[in-house]
Each structure stands twice: as C-alpha cells, then as structure tokens.
Protein backbone atom coordinates (compact mmCIF):
# COMPACT_ATOMS: atom_id res chain seq x y z
CA UNK A 1 95.84 22.06 13.87
CA UNK A 2 96.40 23.16 17.45
CA UNK A 3 100.07 23.97 18.12
CA UNK A 4 101.10 24.00 14.44
CA UNK A 5 102.60 27.17 13.02
CA UNK A 6 104.34 28.18 9.82
CA UNK A 7 104.06 26.63 6.35
CA UNK A 8 103.08 22.97 6.29
CA UNK A 9 104.74 20.53 3.84
CA UNK A 10 102.92 20.08 0.53
CA UNK A 11 103.22 17.66 -2.40
CA UNK A 12 104.40 19.14 -5.69
CA UNK A 13 104.67 16.39 -8.29
CA UNK A 14 107.08 13.84 -6.83
CA UNK A 15 108.53 16.31 -4.32
CA UNK A 16 107.67 17.62 -0.87
CA UNK A 17 107.83 21.39 -0.49
CA UNK A 18 107.81 23.63 2.55
CA UNK A 19 110.48 21.62 4.40
CA UNK A 20 113.53 23.46 5.71
CA UNK A 21 116.73 22.36 3.96
CA UNK A 22 118.75 21.99 7.14
CA UNK A 23 120.44 18.79 5.90
CA UNK A 24 122.61 19.71 2.92
CA UNK A 25 124.57 17.47 0.57
CA UNK A 26 127.96 19.13 0.10
CA UNK A 27 130.12 16.86 -2.07
CA UNK A 28 130.50 13.22 -3.12
CA UNK A 29 133.51 11.24 -4.32
CA UNK A 30 133.08 8.06 -6.38
CA UNK A 31 136.31 6.06 -6.29
CA UNK A 32 136.77 3.52 -9.09
CA UNK A 33 140.55 3.00 -9.09
CA UNK A 34 143.33 2.87 -6.51
CA UNK A 35 143.35 6.11 -4.47
CA UNK A 36 145.68 6.88 -1.57
CA UNK A 37 143.12 8.93 0.38
CA UNK A 38 139.76 10.70 0.32
CA UNK A 39 139.78 14.14 1.97
CA UNK A 40 137.12 16.66 2.93
CA UNK A 41 138.77 20.03 3.59
CA UNK A 42 137.40 23.40 4.63
CA UNK A 43 137.21 25.87 1.74
CA UNK A 44 137.18 23.24 -1.04
CA UNK A 45 134.13 21.88 -2.91
CA UNK A 46 131.77 23.84 -0.66
CA UNK A 47 133.06 22.29 2.58
CA UNK A 48 132.57 24.63 5.58
CA UNK A 49 133.91 23.11 8.80
CA UNK A 50 134.89 26.25 10.74
CA UNK A 51 132.16 28.74 9.83
CA UNK A 52 128.83 29.34 11.54
CA UNK A 53 126.54 27.98 8.81
CA UNK A 54 126.63 24.33 9.91
CA UNK A 55 126.47 22.81 13.39
CA UNK A 56 127.67 19.31 12.54
CA UNK A 57 128.48 17.06 9.60
CA UNK A 58 127.95 13.51 8.38
CA UNK A 59 130.07 11.38 6.05
CA UNK A 60 128.39 8.31 4.54
CA UNK A 61 130.50 5.74 2.70
CA UNK A 62 129.39 2.59 0.89
CA UNK A 63 130.66 -0.34 -1.16
CA UNK A 64 134.25 0.35 -0.07
CA UNK A 65 136.97 -2.07 -1.15
CA UNK A 66 140.63 -1.87 -0.12
CA UNK A 67 143.59 -2.77 -2.36
CA UNK A 68 145.34 -4.86 0.32
CA UNK A 69 143.69 -7.87 1.91
CA UNK A 70 142.57 -7.39 5.53
CA UNK A 71 143.03 -3.63 5.22
CA UNK A 72 140.43 -1.17 6.50
CA UNK A 73 139.65 2.56 6.63
CA UNK A 74 141.50 4.89 9.00
CA UNK A 75 140.83 8.57 9.71
CA UNK A 76 143.15 11.49 10.45
CA UNK A 77 142.24 15.17 10.98
CA UNK A 78 144.10 18.48 10.92
CA UNK A 79 144.11 22.07 12.21
CA UNK A 80 143.93 25.17 10.05
CA UNK A 81 147.15 25.50 8.07
CA UNK A 82 148.60 22.33 9.55
CA UNK A 83 149.27 18.84 8.30
CA UNK A 84 147.21 15.78 9.15
CA UNK A 85 148.08 14.59 12.66
CA UNK A 86 149.63 11.13 12.88
CA UNK A 87 151.29 11.29 16.30
CA UNK A 88 150.24 8.63 18.82
CA UNK A 89 149.12 11.20 21.41
CA UNK A 90 146.75 13.10 19.11
CA UNK A 91 143.75 10.76 19.13
CA UNK A 92 141.90 9.04 21.94
CA UNK A 93 139.79 6.19 20.57
CA UNK A 94 137.02 4.28 22.34
CA UNK A 95 135.53 1.46 20.25
CA UNK A 96 133.46 -1.68 20.61
CA UNK A 97 133.05 -4.28 17.85
CA UNK A 98 130.89 -7.33 17.31
CA UNK A 99 132.30 -10.08 15.09
CA UNK A 100 129.54 -12.63 14.54
CA UNK A 101 128.90 -13.61 18.20
CA UNK A 102 132.23 -12.39 19.62
CA UNK A 103 132.54 -8.97 21.29
CA UNK A 104 135.74 -6.95 21.64
CA UNK A 105 136.84 -3.41 22.38
CA UNK A 106 139.65 -0.91 22.22
CA UNK A 107 140.45 2.20 24.22
CA UNK A 108 143.62 4.27 24.11
CA UNK A 109 145.79 6.81 22.32
CA UNK A 110 146.34 6.13 18.63
CA UNK A 111 148.05 7.77 15.63
CA UNK A 112 144.85 7.44 13.57
CA UNK A 113 141.26 6.32 14.06
CA UNK A 114 140.41 2.81 12.80
CA UNK A 115 136.83 2.57 11.57
CA UNK A 116 136.53 -1.21 11.32
CA UNK A 117 137.90 -4.13 13.29
CA UNK A 118 138.17 -6.27 10.16
CA UNK A 119 139.23 -5.62 6.58
CA UNK A 120 138.15 -6.52 3.05
CA UNK A 121 139.52 -9.56 1.20
CA UNK A 122 139.94 -9.70 -2.57
CA UNK A 123 139.35 -13.47 -2.53
CA UNK A 124 135.99 -13.24 -0.74
CA UNK A 125 132.72 -12.54 -2.55
CA UNK A 126 131.00 -9.20 -1.80
CA UNK A 127 133.66 -8.08 0.66
CA UNK A 128 132.70 -4.46 1.41
CA UNK A 129 132.72 -1.83 4.17
CA UNK A 130 129.80 0.55 4.73
CA UNK A 131 129.28 3.15 7.43
CA UNK A 132 128.71 6.68 8.63
CA UNK A 133 130.85 9.21 10.49
CA UNK A 134 129.33 12.06 12.52
CA UNK A 135 131.54 15.12 13.04
CA UNK A 136 131.02 17.49 15.98
CA UNK A 137 132.75 20.63 17.33
CA UNK A 138 134.88 21.13 14.22
CA UNK A 139 134.28 24.90 14.31
CA UNK A 140 135.20 25.58 17.94
CA UNK A 141 138.49 26.15 19.75
CA UNK A 142 137.03 25.61 23.23
CA UNK A 143 135.84 22.00 22.89
CA UNK A 144 137.38 18.79 21.62
CA UNK A 145 136.57 17.84 18.04
CA UNK A 146 134.67 14.55 18.06
CA UNK A 147 134.34 11.85 15.43
CA UNK A 148 131.60 9.28 16.10
CA UNK A 149 131.25 6.35 13.71
CA UNK A 150 129.33 3.19 12.91
CA UNK A 151 130.55 0.66 10.32
CA UNK A 152 129.72 -2.77 8.96
CA UNK A 153 131.98 -5.23 7.12
CA UNK A 154 130.63 -8.38 5.51
CA UNK A 155 131.61 -11.32 3.30
CA UNK A 156 128.88 -13.18 1.41
CA UNK A 157 130.24 -16.64 0.63
CA UNK A 158 130.55 -20.05 2.30
CA UNK A 159 132.41 -18.43 5.23
CA UNK A 160 129.79 -15.89 6.27
CA UNK A 161 131.36 -13.08 8.30
CA UNK A 162 129.91 -9.91 9.79
CA UNK A 163 131.75 -7.26 11.75
CA UNK A 164 130.05 -4.22 13.29
CA UNK A 165 132.07 -1.42 14.90
CA UNK A 166 130.88 1.59 16.90
CA UNK A 167 133.22 4.15 18.38
CA UNK A 168 134.16 7.70 19.30
CA UNK A 169 137.35 9.67 18.82
CA UNK A 170 137.97 12.75 20.93
CA UNK A 171 140.86 14.91 19.85
CA UNK A 172 143.43 15.47 22.57
CA UNK A 173 143.62 19.25 22.13
CA UNK A 174 141.29 22.22 21.74
CA UNK A 175 141.49 23.49 18.16
CA UNK A 176 139.22 24.07 15.20
CA UNK A 177 139.37 21.20 12.72
CA UNK A 178 139.66 22.06 9.03
CA UNK A 179 140.09 18.69 7.37
CA UNK A 180 139.36 14.98 7.66
CA UNK A 181 141.16 12.34 5.60
CA UNK A 182 140.20 8.69 5.05
CA UNK A 183 143.09 6.38 4.27
CA UNK A 184 144.04 2.71 4.25
CA UNK A 185 146.19 1.17 6.95
CA UNK A 186 148.63 -0.62 4.65
CA UNK A 187 147.54 0.37 1.15
CA UNK A 188 145.11 2.38 -0.94
CA UNK A 189 141.35 2.54 -1.32
CA UNK A 190 140.34 0.55 -4.40
CA UNK A 191 136.68 1.59 -4.74
CA UNK A 192 133.78 3.18 -2.90
CA UNK A 193 131.47 6.18 -2.60
CA UNK A 194 132.09 8.88 0.04
CA UNK A 195 129.53 11.67 0.59
CA UNK A 196 129.62 14.64 2.97
CA UNK A 197 126.41 16.18 4.34
CA UNK A 198 126.25 19.20 6.65
CA UNK A 199 123.54 20.14 9.17
CA UNK A 200 122.43 23.72 9.85
C-alpha cells in the first residue's frame, strides 16, 4: 500500500464506490425523426461551458443517419449572446481522413467544421456515422476554443466502405464559447444519439 492515500474503490453490489465523479453525463438527445440541428448550449439542460466547474467536454454520437444521401455532420459554435458563426474566416480546420486504403487531408478556413469526409446513403445497408468530439478552452477569453474530433463512417453491404476522419478546429478569435450546434450540410439529421459529458 506504499504511496496510496485516500479512500480506495470498493464493490457495493454491482457498483464501484469511492471513485471521484469527475466525468459527468450532462444531457443526451435521441433523434428518431428529421431534425434540423442538435445543439448543446450553456445554461440549458445543465450545460456549463463558461463556468469553472468543468475543464473540458466530450460529445459522443452514434448510429447517425442523414436525410440526404452523401450528407454528413457539420459543426458551428457561437459566443455569448451571439448567433452561430457561419462566416468563412471563423474556423480553421485541419483534418486527415482514411478511406479504405486511400489517405487525404484538408487544411484551411471554413464556414463550418465537417466531421466526416463521406456521408450516409439511404440505399446502402447499415450506413451510419459514429464519433466523438472533445471541446477545450470554451470557458476562456485568452485562448482559442478548440474542437478535436474522431469519426467513422461505414457501409455493410457488397460494396464495403470505411471512412475514418481525425481533425482539429481552432477558432480564429479569442472568446468564450457558449454553444455548439451539429447540423447537416445539405439537409437534416434523420436519426442518432448525441450525448454530452463534462470533465471536472
């Protein structure tokens, strides 16, 4: 027991006790019909982006389908009291993607952040997008807000297809970020689960 201090974890029924709850589930959205966007905004549903309680945040999404074929998820963010930024000089995106055995990349100023190189297809079996988005520096006005993501798109049929994307968005100004919105590029989100966790 050398070097160990404090209360050690213990088993209580099917649960572990004595573990700090630094990773907190805040809110989840289950989409089952066409929805224009999914938003996580400071001050709603327990979301706290600009306070001092949480250091960073994580959005996990799964089984996402888009209404339009070859559409994918995009992200926009906003300042306190402002609208979601969609100007081309507001986001700097740096992304690399692997499509089967082909590698590509993207770097430059964009009007929104694209989370996947490919999109879902209503005519392809098990066409879904899964991924996670890490959010950093949302509560500071002296550093750029950063969105770091990892996604996977797959089709399970005779034309097997896999697309993995990894990237980072750094906001091109210094401002606290109070909201993040997930949208489609050409249409709506048809289905999927979106969950926000926050880290103390």
